[in-house]
Amino acid sequence: MTSPLQYWESLVSEDEGLPLFEAAVAIAQDAYPLLDLADLMARIDAMALKLNERIAPDAPALHRLRMLNHYFFDELHFHGNVNDYYDTDNSYLNRVIERRCGIPISLAAVYLELGQQIGLALEGVSFPGHFLVKLKMHDGSVFIDVFDGGKSLTRVELEERLEPYASAHGIAVDELLPRFLGAASARDILARMLRNLKGIYTREGNQAALLAVLHRLVVLLPDDPIERRDRGLCYAALECPRAAMDDLQAYLESSPEAPDRAAVAERIAALRTAADRLN
């Protein structure tokens, strides 16, 4: 029987054709192991079919966008969870769909799926601090804040949102803005979703839940040594010294110039002592 992590690995193994929505839904299997993925995806397909039936085949993109916004926000009542932003259920799509609320990136994942099923060329945008959606048009792009009821953002508003990030990095906003308006890949979107959960579980000190997230990140980003290191540290916190040593040693081998190299080497030595005691 295929495990949830093996299933995840099959979904994200290749960039081409990576099924963003299915993979995003699958993340919830860690917190909700009895989740019926097929049923949840069928529910979204039914929503998209219902919306499609209202739209003429030759309807222009802006009309489709207005129909999507009306359906998504006014009928289905999806909205941003401003009262409990760091609730982990905001990142698990089964709960986002059930409760009709979430954070920018999880709302965007559902919005993208519905929009693409009705023929809109929607893309995710990894804007600093607040994930956005972009609709590509023949004469430009529309940038949409799904967390704010589908509001279309002007260039001035985008610059204002980017100003804190630009100031912190000492770069002019007009120079920095184009870098953050490109389409995010499915892999990038999934990584951002998982890192949101990683941050929450790290702050909570929930090592078991954190480990499940890190397993997915290591599979998703096999060339990122930081995720491998962090999984090793999580294993260490869970008193699994051998698994921790494997990950931390792999981190050192792939990052010969790592600034924390000495500290990690010391941690491996301590873990080796702990592992020897288990023999």
C-alpha atoms as a PDB file:
ATOM      1  CA  MET A   1       0.000   0.000   0.000  1.00  0.00           C
ATOM      2  CA  THR A   2       1.344   3.421  -0.943  1.00  0.00           C
ATOM      3  CA  SER A   3       2.067   5.681   2.013  1.00  0.00           C
ATOM      4  CA  PRO A   4       1.072   9.383   1.970  1.00  0.00           C
ATOM      5  CA  LEU A   5       4.732  10.361   1.585  1.00  0.00           C
ATOM      6  CA  GLN A   6       5.240   7.949  -1.324  1.00  0.00           C
ATOM      7  CA  TYR A   7       2.125   9.342  -2.957  1.00  0.00           C
ATOM      8  CA  TRP A   8       3.466  12.857  -2.442  1.00  0.00           C
ATOM      9  CA  GLU A   9       6.779  11.858  -4.000  1.00  0.00           C
ATOM     10  CA  SER A  10       4.964  10.551  -7.078  1.00  0.00           C
ATOM     11  CA  LEU A  11       3.100  13.852  -7.422  1.00  0.00           C
ATOM     12  CA  VAL A  12       6.121  16.142  -7.151  1.00  0.00           C
ATOM     13  CA  SER A  13       8.774  14.062  -8.870  1.00  0.00           C
ATOM     14  CA  GLU A  14       8.726  16.110 -12.079  1.00  0.00           C
ATOM     15  CA  ASP A  15       8.190  19.832 -12.667  1.00  0.00           C
ATOM     16  CA  GLU A  16       6.388  19.269 -15.941  1.00  0.00           C
ATOM     17  CA  GLY A  17       2.776  18.438 -15.244  1.00  0.00           C
ATOM     18  CA  LEU A  18       3.128  18.756 -11.476  1.00  0.00           C
ATOM     19  CA  PRO A  19      -0.518  18.800 -10.260  1.00  0.00           C
ATOM     20  CA  LEU A  20      -0.489  21.801  -7.928  1.00  0.00           C
ATOM     21  CA  PHE A  21      -3.963  21.446  -6.470  1.00  0.00           C
ATOM     22  CA  GLU A  22      -3.754  17.700  -5.895  1.00  0.00           C
ATOM     23  CA  ALA A  23      -0.349  18.058  -4.253  1.00  0.00           C
ATOM     24  CA  ALA A  24      -1.565  20.972  -2.133  1.00  0.00           C
ATOM     25  CA  VAL A  25      -4.556  18.936  -0.965  1.00  0.00           C
ATOM     26  CA  ALA A  26      -2.303  15.974  -0.192  1.00  0.00           C
ATOM     27  CA  ILE A  27      -0.379  17.998   2.408  1.00  0.00           C
ATOM     28  CA  ALA A  28      -3.431  17.707   4.653  1.00  0.00           C
ATOM     29  CA  GLN A  29      -2.982  13.928   4.922  1.00  0.00           C
ATOM     30  CA  ASP A  30      -0.407  14.514   7.660  1.00  0.00           C
ATOM     31  CA  ALA A  31      -2.945  16.168   9.969  1.00  0.00           C
ATOM     32  CA  TYR A  32      -5.992  14.324   8.600  1.00  0.00           C
ATOM     33  CA  PRO A  33      -4.881  10.770   7.728  1.00  0.00           C
ATOM     34  CA  LEU A  34      -8.439   9.629   6.918  1.00  0.00           C
ATOM     35  CA  LEU A  35      -8.937  12.409   4.374  1.00  0.00           C
ATOM     36  CA  ASP A  36     -10.589  11.245   1.147  1.00  0.00           C
ATOM     37  CA  LEU A  37      -8.559  13.126  -1.460  1.00  0.00           C
ATOM     38  CA  ALA A  38     -10.628  11.926  -4.400  1.00  0.00           C
ATOM     39  CA  ASP A  39     -13.845  13.116  -2.789  1.00  0.00           C
ATOM     40  CA  LEU A  40     -12.400  16.525  -1.987  1.00  0.00           C
ATOM     41  CA  MET A  41     -11.113  17.009  -5.503  1.00  0.00           C
ATOM     42  CA  ALA A  42     -14.474  15.894  -6.905  1.00  0.00           C
ATOM     43  CA  ARG A  43     -16.160  18.585  -4.828  1.00  0.00           C
ATOM     44  CA  ILE A  44     -13.953  21.242  -6.399  1.00  0.00           C
ATOM     45  CA  ASP A  45     -14.616  19.815  -9.857  1.00  0.00           C
ATOM     46  CA  ALA A  46     -18.352  20.069  -9.146  1.00  0.00           C
ATOM     47  CA  MET A  47     -17.956  23.715  -8.135  1.00  0.00           C
ATOM     48  CA  ALA A  48     -16.047  24.445 -11.325  1.00  0.00           C
ATOM     49  CA  LEU A  49     -18.668  22.646 -13.432  1.00  0.00           C
ATOM     50  CA  LYS A  50     -21.462  24.654 -11.833  1.00  0.00           C
ATOM     51  CA  LEU A  51     -19.617  27.887 -12.585  1.00  0.00           C
ATOM     52  CA  ASN A  52     -18.762  26.824 -16.119  1.00  0.00           C
ATOM     53  CA  GLU A  53     -22.429  26.226 -16.880  1.00  0.00           C
ATOM     54  CA  ARG A  54     -23.082  29.929 -16.269  1.00  0.00           C
ATOM     55  CA  ILE A  55     -20.422  31.190 -18.643  1.00  0.00           C
ATOM     56  CA  ALA A  56     -20.803  31.411 -22.413  1.00  0.00           C
ATOM     57  CA  PRO A  57     -18.077  29.586 -24.340  1.00  0.00           C
ATOM     58  CA  ASP A  58     -16.951  32.824 -25.989  1.00  0.00           C
ATOM     59  CA  ALA A  59     -17.000  34.931 -22.803  1.00  0.00           C
ATOM     60  CA  PRO A  60     -13.930  37.191 -22.490  1.00  0.00           C
ATOM     61  CA  ALA A  61     -11.437  36.781 -19.685  1.00  0.00           C
ATOM     62  CA  LEU A  62     -12.584  39.766 -17.633  1.00  0.00           C
ATOM     63  CA  HIS A  63     -16.166  38.492 -17.642  1.00  0.00           C
ATOM     64  CA  ARG A  64     -14.933  35.075 -16.505  1.00  0.00           C
ATOM     65  CA  LEU A  65     -12.954  36.755 -13.758  1.00  0.00           C
ATOM     66  CA  ARG A  66     -15.988  38.699 -12.540  1.00  0.00           C
ATOM     67  CA  MET A  67     -18.046  35.503 -12.536  1.00  0.00           C
ATOM     68  CA  LEU A  68     -15.332  33.671 -10.606  1.00  0.00           C
ATOM     69  CA  ASN A  69     -15.092  36.438  -8.023  1.00  0.00           C
ATOM     70  CA  HIS A  70     -18.848  36.564  -7.539  1.00  0.00           C
ATOM     71  CA  TYR A  71     -19.067  32.791  -7.139  1.00  0.00           C
ATOM     72  CA  PHE A  72     -15.968  32.404  -4.956  1.00  0.00           C
ATOM     73  CA  PHE A  73     -16.527  35.324  -2.588  1.00  0.00           C
ATOM     74  CA  ASP A  74     -20.253  36.157  -2.710  1.00  0.00           C
ATOM     75  CA  GLU A  75     -21.784  32.696  -3.108  1.00  0.00           C
ATOM     76  CA  LEU A  76     -19.246  30.327  -1.587  1.00  0.00           C
ATOM     77  CA  HIS A  77     -18.148  32.959   0.947  1.00  0.00           C
ATOM     78  CA  PHE A  78     -14.440  32.221   0.879  1.00  0.00           C
ATOM     79  CA  HIS A  79     -12.597  34.804   2.962  1.00  0.00           C
ATOM     80  CA  GLY A  80      -9.355  35.475   4.765  1.00  0.00           C
ATOM     81  CA  ASN A  81      -9.035  34.267   8.345  1.00  0.00           C
ATOM     82  CA  VAL A  82      -8.001  37.570   9.892  1.00  0.00           C
ATOM     83  CA  ASN A  83      -8.933  36.507  13.431  1.00  0.00           C
ATOM     84  CA  ASP A  84      -6.694  33.432  13.629  1.00  0.00           C
ATOM     85  CA  TYR A  85      -4.149  33.826  10.849  1.00  0.00           C
ATOM     86  CA  TYR A  86      -1.677  31.274  12.242  1.00  0.00           C
ATOM     87  CA  ASP A  87      -4.185  28.479  12.760  1.00  0.00           C
ATOM     88  CA  THR A  88      -2.675  25.462  10.983  1.00  0.00           C
ATOM     89  CA  ASP A  89      -6.071  24.636   9.474  1.00  0.00           C
ATOM     90  CA  ASN A  90      -5.613  27.727   7.298  1.00  0.00           C
ATOM     91  CA  SER A  91      -2.937  25.738   5.443  1.00  0.00           C
ATOM     92  CA  TYR A  92      -4.780  22.429   5.051  1.00  0.00           C
ATOM     93  CA  LEU A  93      -7.016  22.675   2.008  1.00  0.00           C
ATOM     94  CA  ASN A  94      -9.670  20.272   3.271  1.00  0.00           C
ATOM     95  CA  ARG A  95     -10.301  22.633   6.171  1.00  0.00           C
ATOM     96  CA  VAL A  96     -10.014  25.726   3.974  1.00  0.00           C
ATOM     97  CA  ILE A  97     -12.749  24.323   1.739  1.00  0.00           C
ATOM     98  CA  GLU A  98     -14.918  23.166   4.654  1.00  0.00           C
ATOM     99  CA  ARG A  99     -14.652  26.422   6.614  1.00  0.00           C
ATOM    100  CA  ARG A 100     -14.408  28.693   3.534  1.00  0.00           C
ATOM    101  CA  CYS A 101     -11.496  30.586   5.061  1.00  0.00           C
ATOM    102  CA  GLY A 102      -7.722  30.533   4.955  1.00  0.00           C
ATOM    103  CA  ILE A 103      -4.570  32.542   4.379  1.00  0.00           C
ATOM    104  CA  PRO A 104      -3.564  34.138   1.060  1.00  0.00           C
ATOM    105  CA  ILE A 105      -1.728  31.148  -0.400  1.00  0.00           C
ATOM    106  CA  SER A 106      -4.281  28.490   0.574  1.00  0.00           C
ATOM    107  CA  LEU A 107      -7.200  30.579  -0.694  1.00  0.00           C
ATOM    108  CA  ALA A 108      -5.197  31.189  -3.851  1.00  0.00           C
ATOM    109  CA  ALA A 109      -4.671  27.453  -4.387  1.00  0.00           C
ATOM    110  CA  VAL A 110      -8.440  26.880  -4.479  1.00  0.00           C
ATOM    111  CA  TYR A 111      -9.063  30.039  -6.529  1.00  0.00           C
ATOM    112  CA  LEU A 112      -6.411  29.039  -9.076  1.00  0.00           C
ATOM    113  CA  GLU A 113      -7.925  25.592  -9.507  1.00  0.00           C
ATOM    114  CA  LEU A 114     -11.430  26.937 -10.068  1.00  0.00           C
ATOM    115  CA  GLY A 115     -10.222  29.721 -12.331  1.00  0.00           C
ATOM    116  CA  GLN A 116      -8.106  27.471 -14.483  1.00  0.00           C
ATOM    117  CA  GLN A 117     -11.007  25.045 -14.864  1.00  0.00           C
ATOM    118  CA  ILE A 118     -13.137  27.859 -16.334  1.00  0.00           C
ATOM    119  CA  GLY A 119     -10.456  28.836 -18.808  1.00  0.00           C
ATOM    120  CA  LEU A 120      -8.639  31.660 -17.032  1.00  0.00           C
ATOM    121  CA  ALA A 121      -4.862  31.941 -17.430  1.00  0.00           C
ATOM    122  CA  LEU A 122      -4.295  32.418 -13.704  1.00  0.00           C
ATOM    123  CA  GLU A 123      -0.904  32.115 -12.047  1.00  0.00           C
ATOM    124  CA  GLY A 124       0.335  32.376  -8.482  1.00  0.00           C
ATOM    125  CA  VAL A 125       2.667  35.221  -7.521  1.00  0.00           C
ATOM    126  CA  SER A 126       5.048  34.789  -4.578  1.00  0.00           C
ATOM    127  CA  PHE A 127       4.881  38.390  -3.452  1.00  0.00           C
ATOM    128  CA  PRO A 128       6.754  39.093  -0.202  1.00  0.00           C
ATOM    129  CA  GLY A 129       4.569  38.617   2.831  1.00  0.00           C
ATOM    130  CA  HIS A 130       1.316  38.138   0.944  1.00  0.00           C
ATOM    131  CA  PHE A 131       0.711  35.658  -1.869  1.00  0.00           C
ATOM    132  CA  LEU A 132      -1.171  37.038  -4.897  1.00  0.00           C
ATOM    133  CA  VAL A 133      -2.800  35.743  -8.076  1.00  0.00           C
ATOM    134  CA  LYS A 134      -2.145  37.073 -11.567  1.00  0.00           C
ATOM    135  CA  LEU A 135      -4.412  36.975 -14.596  1.00  0.00           C
ATOM    136  CA  LYS A 136      -2.443  37.243 -17.818  1.00  0.00           C
ATOM    137  CA  MET A 137      -4.128  39.394 -20.462  1.00  0.00           C
ATOM    138  CA  HIS A 138      -3.098  40.238 -24.023  1.00  0.00           C
ATOM    139  CA  ASP A 139      -2.368  43.828 -22.961  1.00  0.00           C
ATOM    140  CA  GLY A 140      -0.916  43.226 -19.495  1.00  0.00           C
ATOM    141  CA  SER A 141      -1.752  41.472 -16.233  1.00  0.00           C
ATOM    142  CA  VAL A 142      -4.282  41.893 -13.443  1.00  0.00           C
ATOM    143  CA  PHE A 143      -2.974  41.259  -9.909  1.00  0.00           C
ATOM    144  CA  ILE A 144      -5.553  39.907  -7.495  1.00  0.00           C
ATOM    145  CA  ASP A 145      -5.572  39.739  -3.696  1.00  0.00           C
ATOM    146  CA  VAL A 146      -7.665  36.682  -2.884  1.00  0.00           C
ATOM    147  CA  PHE A 147      -7.286  37.355   0.842  1.00  0.00           C
ATOM    148  CA  ASP A 148      -8.964  40.730   0.333  1.00  0.00           C
ATOM    149  CA  GLY A 149     -12.074  39.583  -1.512  1.00  0.00           C
ATOM    150  CA  GLY A 150     -10.520  39.444  -4.979  1.00  0.00           C
ATOM    151  CA  LYS A 151      -9.387  43.066  -5.033  1.00  0.00           C
ATOM    152  CA  SER A 152      -7.421  44.053  -8.157  1.00  0.00           C
ATOM    153  CA  LEU A 153      -4.238  45.867  -7.206  1.00  0.00           C
ATOM    154  CA  THR A 154      -2.815  48.878  -9.043  1.00  0.00           C
ATOM    155  CA  ARG A 155       0.904  49.341  -9.558  1.00  0.00           C
ATOM    156  CA  VAL A 156       0.911  51.988  -6.835  1.00  0.00           C
ATOM    157  CA  GLU A 157      -0.693  49.574  -4.389  1.00  0.00           C
ATOM    158  CA  LEU A 158       1.819  46.876  -5.305  1.00  0.00           C
ATOM    159  CA  GLU A 159       4.675  49.303  -4.712  1.00  0.00           C
ATOM    160  CA  GLU A 160       3.219  50.338  -1.354  1.00  0.00           C
ATOM    161  CA  ARG A 161       3.017  46.700  -0.274  1.00  0.00           C
ATOM    162  CA  LEU A 162       6.584  46.074  -1.362  1.00  0.00           C
ATOM    163  CA  GLU A 163       8.016  49.181   0.333  1.00  0.00           C
ATOM    164  CA  PRO A 164       8.804  47.555   3.725  1.00  0.00           C
ATOM    165  CA  TYR A 165      10.651  44.696   2.027  1.00  0.00           C
ATOM    166  CA  ALA A 166      12.507  47.060  -0.304  1.00  0.00           C
ATOM    167  CA  SER A 167      13.531  49.332   2.564  1.00  0.00           C
ATOM    168  CA  ALA A 168      14.778  46.388   4.616  1.00  0.00           C
ATOM    169  CA  HIS A 169      16.988  45.285   1.720  1.00  0.00           C
ATOM    170  CA  GLY A 170      18.105  48.756   0.648  1.00  0.00           C
ATOM    171  CA  ILE A 171      16.717  48.453  -2.884  1.00  0.00           C
ATOM    172  CA  ALA A 172      14.462  50.905  -4.702  1.00  0.00           C
ATOM    173  CA  VAL A 173      10.873  49.704  -5.021  1.00  0.00           C
ATOM    174  CA  ASP A 174      10.633  50.353  -8.768  1.00  0.00           C
ATOM    175  CA  GLU A 175      13.767  48.284  -9.300  1.00  0.00           C
ATOM    176  CA  LEU A 176      12.593  45.437  -7.086  1.00  0.00           C
ATOM    177  CA  LEU A 177       8.943  45.197  -8.140  1.00  0.00           C
ATOM    178  CA  PRO A 178       9.425  43.375 -11.481  1.00  0.00           C
ATOM    179  CA  ARG A 179      11.311  40.586  -9.692  1.00  0.00           C
ATOM    180  CA  PHE A 180       8.245  39.722  -7.624  1.00  0.00           C
ATOM    181  CA  LEU A 181       5.567  39.851 -10.291  1.00  0.00           C
ATOM    182  CA  GLY A 182       6.581  36.743 -12.188  1.00  0.00           C
ATOM    183  CA  ALA A 183       4.648  33.485 -12.028  1.00  0.00           C
ATOM    184  CA  ALA A 184       5.535  31.141  -9.193  1.00  0.00           C
ATOM    185  CA  SER A 185       6.110  27.526 -10.173  1.00  0.00           C
ATOM    186  CA  ALA A 186       3.973  24.802  -8.643  1.00  0.00           C
ATOM    187  CA  ARG A 187       7.032  23.615  -6.713  1.00  0.00           C
ATOM    188  CA  ASP A 188       7.628  27.116  -5.334  1.00  0.00           C
ATOM    189  CA  ILE A 189       4.000  27.427  -4.249  1.00  0.00           C
ATOM    190  CA  LEU A 190       4.055  24.078  -2.461  1.00  0.00           C
ATOM    191  CA  ALA A 191       7.326  24.981  -0.757  1.00  0.00           C
ATOM    192  CA  ARG A 192       5.832  28.236   0.496  1.00  0.00           C
ATOM    193  CA  MET A 193       2.774  26.413   1.829  1.00  0.00           C
ATOM    194  CA  LEU A 194       4.923  23.887   3.662  1.00  0.00           C
ATOM    195  CA  ARG A 195       7.253  26.551   5.050  1.00  0.00           C
ATOM    196  CA  ASN A 196       4.258  28.354   6.496  1.00  0.00           C
ATOM    197  CA  LEU A 197       3.436  25.169   8.405  1.00  0.00           C
ATOM    198  CA  LYS A 198       7.093  24.669   9.261  1.00  0.00           C
ATOM    199  CA  GLY A 199       7.200  28.100  10.861  1.00  0.00           C
ATOM    200  CA  ILE A 200       4.035  27.522  12.884  1.00  0.00           C
ATOM    201  CA  TYR A 201       5.054  24.094  14.177  1.00  0.00           C
ATOM    202  CA  THR A 202       8.554  25.369  14.986  1.00  0.00           C
ATOM    203  CA  ARG A 203       7.114  28.198  17.080  1.00  0.00           C
ATOM    204  CA  GLU A 204       4.742  25.780  18.813  1.00  0.00           C
ATOM    205  CA  GLY A 205       7.523  23.279  19.471  1.00  0.00           C
ATOM    206  CA  ASN A 206       5.407  20.523  17.908  1.00  0.00           C
ATOM    207  CA  GLN A 207       8.272  18.343  16.728  1.00  0.00           C
ATOM    208  CA  ALA A 208       6.157  15.411  15.523  1.00  0.00           C
ATOM    209  CA  ALA A 209       4.036  17.613  13.241  1.00  0.00           C
ATOM    210  CA  LEU A 210       7.147  19.501  12.149  1.00  0.00           C
ATOM    211  CA  LEU A 211       8.859  16.265  11.127  1.00  0.00           C
ATOM    212  CA  ALA A 212       5.977  15.359   8.806  1.00  0.00           C
ATOM    213  CA  VAL A 213       6.252  18.767   7.122  1.00  0.00           C
ATOM    214  CA  LEU A 214      10.027  18.423   6.785  1.00  0.00           C
ATOM    215  CA  HIS A 215       9.677  14.981   5.192  1.00  0.00           C
ATOM    216  CA  ARG A 216       7.609  16.627   2.455  1.00  0.00           C
ATOM    217  CA  LEU A 217      10.025  19.529   2.049  1.00  0.00           C
ATOM    218  CA  VAL A 218      13.012  17.193   1.695  1.00  0.00           C
ATOM    219  CA  VAL A 219      11.167  15.247  -1.013  1.00  0.00           C
ATOM    220  CA  LEU A 220       9.965  18.428  -2.722  1.00  0.00           C
ATOM    221  CA  LEU A 221      13.345  20.198  -2.580  1.00  0.00           C
ATOM    222  CA  PRO A 222      15.965  17.442  -2.690  1.00  0.00           C
ATOM    223  CA  ASP A 223      18.745  19.901  -3.532  1.00  0.00           C
ATOM    224  CA  ASP A 224      18.022  22.253  -0.623  1.00  0.00           C
ATOM    225  CA  PRO A 225      20.480  21.384   2.167  1.00  0.00           C
ATOM    226  CA  ILE A 226      18.722  23.600   4.716  1.00  0.00           C
ATOM    227  CA  GLU A 227      15.610  21.422   4.777  1.00  0.00           C
ATOM    228  CA  ARG A 228      17.774  18.329   5.215  1.00  0.00           C
ATOM    229  CA  ARG A 229      19.628  20.029   8.092  1.00  0.00           C
ATOM    230  CA  ASP A 230      16.405  21.114   9.742  1.00  0.00           C
ATOM    231  CA  ARG A 231      14.982  17.619   9.495  1.00  0.00           C
ATOM    232  CA  GLY A 232      18.131  16.326  11.173  1.00  0.00           C
ATOM    233  CA  LEU A 233      17.686  18.800  14.015  1.00  0.00           C
ATOM    234  CA  CYS A 234      14.057  17.757  14.332  1.00  0.00           C
ATOM    235  CA  TYR A 235      15.076  14.095  14.495  1.00  0.00           C
ATOM    236  CA  ALA A 236      17.551  15.041  17.223  1.00  0.00           C
ATOM    237  CA  ALA A 237      14.820  16.790  19.210  1.00  0.00           C
ATOM    238  CA  LEU A 238      12.721  13.630  18.887  1.00  0.00           C
ATOM    239  CA  GLU A 239      15.652  11.541  20.193  1.00  0.00           C
ATOM    240  CA  CYS A 240      16.265   9.705  16.933  1.00  0.00           C
ATOM    241  CA  PRO A 241      20.065  10.078  16.842  1.00  0.00           C
ATOM    242  CA  ARG A 242      20.869   7.844  13.895  1.00  0.00           C
ATOM    243  CA  ALA A 243      18.352   9.475  11.571  1.00  0.00           C
ATOM    244  CA  ALA A 244      19.535  12.868  12.796  1.00  0.00           C
ATOM    245  CA  MET A 245      23.171  12.015  12.064  1.00  0.00           C
ATOM    246  CA  ASP A 246      22.323  10.860   8.542  1.00  0.00           C
ATOM    247  CA  ASP A 247      20.616  14.151   7.709  1.00  0.00           C
ATOM    248  CA  LEU A 248      23.182  16.379   9.386  1.00  0.00           C
ATOM    249  CA  GLN A 249      26.074  14.552   7.741  1.00  0.00           C
ATOM    250  CA  ALA A 250      24.373  14.916   4.360  1.00  0.00           C
ATOM    251  CA  TYR A 251      24.006  18.635   5.074  1.00  0.00           C
ATOM    252  CA  LEU A 252      27.724  19.026   5.774  1.00  0.00           C
ATOM    253  CA  GLU A 253      28.676  17.072   2.657  1.00  0.00           C
ATOM    254  CA  SER A 254      26.486  19.255   0.444  1.00  0.00           C
ATOM    255  CA  SER A 255      27.398  22.563   2.148  1.00  0.00           C
ATOM    256  CA  PRO A 256      31.165  22.694   2.631  1.00  0.00           C
ATOM    257  CA  GLU A 257      31.075  26.471   3.239  1.00  0.00           C
ATOM    258  CA  ALA A 258      28.098  26.461   5.620  1.00  0.00           C
ATOM    259  CA  PRO A 259      28.529  29.092   8.358  1.00  0.00           C
ATOM    260  CA  ASP A 260      27.172  26.686  10.967  1.00  0.00           C
ATOM    261  CA  ARG A 261      29.461  23.854   9.905  1.00  0.00           C
ATOM    262  CA  ALA A 262      31.346  23.671  13.200  1.00  0.00           C
ATOM    263  CA  ALA A 263      28.170  23.724  15.279  1.00  0.00           C
ATOM    264  CA  VAL A 264      26.592  20.973  13.183  1.00  0.00           C
ATOM    265  CA  ALA A 265      29.742  18.853  13.423  1.00  0.00           C
ATOM    266  CA  GLU A 266      29.626  19.196  17.208  1.00  0.00           C
ATOM    267  CA  ARG A 267      25.976  18.160  17.168  1.00  0.00           C
ATOM    268  CA  ILE A 268      26.818  15.063  15.136  1.00  0.00           C
ATOM    269  CA  ALA A 269      29.498  14.096  17.649  1.00  0.00           C
ATOM    270  CA  ALA A 270      27.026  14.410  20.503  1.00  0.00           C
ATOM    271  CA  LEU A 271      24.462  12.397  18.584  1.00  0.00           C
ATOM    272  CA  ARG A 272      27.028   9.675  17.919  1.00  0.00           C
ATOM    273  CA  THR A 273      27.612   9.375  21.658  1.00  0.00           C
ATOM    274  CA  ALA A 274      23.862   9.163  22.230  1.00  0.00           C
ATOM    275  CA  ALA A 275      23.503   6.516  19.533  1.00  0.00           C
ATOM    276  CA  ASP A 276      26.324   4.435  21.050  1.00  0.00           C
ATOM    277  CA  ARG A 277      24.455   4.390  24.351  1.00  0.00           C
ATOM    278  CA  LEU A 278      21.500   2.779  22.584  1.00  0.00           C
ATOM    279  CA  ASN A 279      23.613  -0.184  21.479  1.00  0.00           C
END
